[in-house]
Amino acid sequence: MVDKPARIVWTKMAQGHLKQAFEHISEDSPQNALKVVADIASTIEKAAEYPDAYAPDKLKLENDGTFRAFEISCWLHIVIRREYCEFYESGTPR
């Protein structure tokens, strides 16, 4: 039996950070801003499909090993669990 990919859930904070990054990059290059957003979306889709490929989240308090994490950039920290995927500003304790 094949596990279903994790369901991706964008927190309001993550949505805001992605929007801010898009707007900031768009000031210099709208094309690059679109590429960055597409690259982030692609990476997240892969991570949702294979969450066990990532190390346990070191910032998650009382992590039982089911919370996985990685960073796409210095500002976006991804937390994955089989049921969902959340996005935080890097360094934010949870």
Protein backbone atom coordinates (compact mmCIF):
# COMPACT_ATOMS: atom_id res chain seq x y z
CA MET A 1 0.00 0.00 0.00
CA VAL A 2 1.32 3.45 -0.95
CA ASP A 3 0.92 6.28 1.55
CA LYS A 4 -0.93 9.37 0.38
CA PRO A 5 1.15 12.54 0.13
CA ALA A 6 0.89 14.87 3.09
CA ARG A 7 -1.86 17.45 2.74
CA ILE A 8 -0.30 20.88 2.29
CA VAL A 9 -1.62 23.56 4.63
CA TRP A 10 -0.33 27.13 4.33
CA THR A 11 -0.46 29.07 7.58
CA LYS A 12 -1.47 32.74 7.33
CA MET A 13 2.06 33.68 8.35
CA ALA A 14 3.55 31.53 5.58
CA GLN A 15 1.18 33.02 3.02
CA GLY A 16 2.22 36.49 4.11
CA HIS A 17 5.93 35.66 3.94
CA LEU A 18 5.60 34.19 0.46
CA LYS A 19 3.64 37.23 -0.69
CA GLN A 20 6.26 39.58 0.78
CA ALA A 21 9.06 37.69 -0.95
CA PHE A 22 7.18 37.72 -4.25
CA GLU A 23 6.52 41.46 -4.01
CA HIS A 24 10.13 42.20 -3.04
CA ILE A 25 11.59 40.17 -5.91
CA SER A 26 8.98 41.58 -8.32
CA GLU A 27 10.35 45.09 -7.77
CA ASP A 28 13.46 44.07 -9.71
CA SER A 29 12.17 41.18 -11.80
CA PRO A 30 8.56 39.96 -12.05
CA GLN A 31 9.81 36.95 -14.04
CA ASN A 32 12.23 35.92 -11.28
CA ALA A 33 9.51 36.38 -8.67
CA LEU A 34 7.28 33.94 -10.54
CA LYS A 35 10.16 31.48 -10.87
CA VAL A 36 10.94 31.62 -7.15
CA VAL A 37 7.31 30.96 -6.22
CA ALA A 38 7.13 28.09 -8.74
CA ASP A 39 10.36 26.59 -7.37
CA ILE A 40 9.04 26.79 -3.80
CA ALA A 41 5.75 25.15 -4.83
CA SER A 42 7.59 22.36 -6.66
CA THR A 43 9.88 21.68 -3.70
CA ILE A 44 6.94 21.60 -1.31
CA GLU A 45 5.00 19.17 -3.49
CA LYS A 46 7.99 16.80 -3.50
CA ALA A 47 8.42 17.18 0.25
CA ALA A 48 4.75 16.41 0.84
CA GLU A 49 5.10 13.24 -1.20
CA TYR A 50 8.29 12.07 0.57
CA PRO A 51 8.34 13.64 4.05
CA ASP A 52 10.51 10.89 5.54
CA ALA A 53 13.37 12.04 3.30
CA TYR A 54 13.87 14.97 5.69
CA ALA A 55 15.40 15.12 9.15
CA PRO A 56 13.23 15.45 12.27
CA ASP A 57 12.36 19.06 13.13
CA LYS A 58 14.89 20.20 15.75
CA LEU A 59 12.82 23.29 16.63
CA LYS A 60 9.59 21.37 17.35
CA LEU A 61 9.10 21.06 21.08
CA GLU A 62 8.52 17.46 22.18
CA ASN A 63 8.95 16.12 18.64
CA ASP A 64 8.18 12.41 18.61
CA GLY A 65 10.02 12.06 15.29
CA THR A 66 6.95 12.45 13.10
CA PHE A 67 7.58 16.16 12.46
CA ARG A 68 10.15 16.60 9.68
CA ALA A 69 11.68 19.88 8.54
CA PHE A 70 13.85 21.58 5.96
CA GLU A 71 14.57 25.09 4.73
CA ILE A 72 14.05 26.27 1.18
CA SER A 73 15.82 29.54 1.91
CA CYS A 74 16.99 31.54 4.89
CA TRP A 75 13.42 32.77 5.46
CA LEU A 76 11.20 29.74 4.86
CA HIS A 77 11.22 26.74 7.19
CA ILE A 78 9.02 23.81 6.20
CA VAL A 79 7.52 21.44 8.75
CA ILE A 80 6.06 18.19 7.46
CA ARG A 81 3.97 15.58 9.17
CA ARG A 82 2.12 12.79 7.42
CA GLU A 83 -1.18 14.68 7.76
CA TYR A 84 -0.01 18.15 6.79
CA CYS A 85 2.78 20.50 5.83
CA GLU A 86 3.26 23.91 7.51
CA PHE A 87 5.51 26.82 6.74
CA TYR A 88 7.22 29.13 9.23
CA GLU A 89 9.76 31.89 9.27
CA SER A 90 13.15 30.29 9.88
CA GLY A 91 14.12 30.10 13.52
CA THR A 92 10.55 30.35 14.83
CA PRO A 93 10.05 27.97 17.77
CA ARG A 94 6.93 25.82 17.71
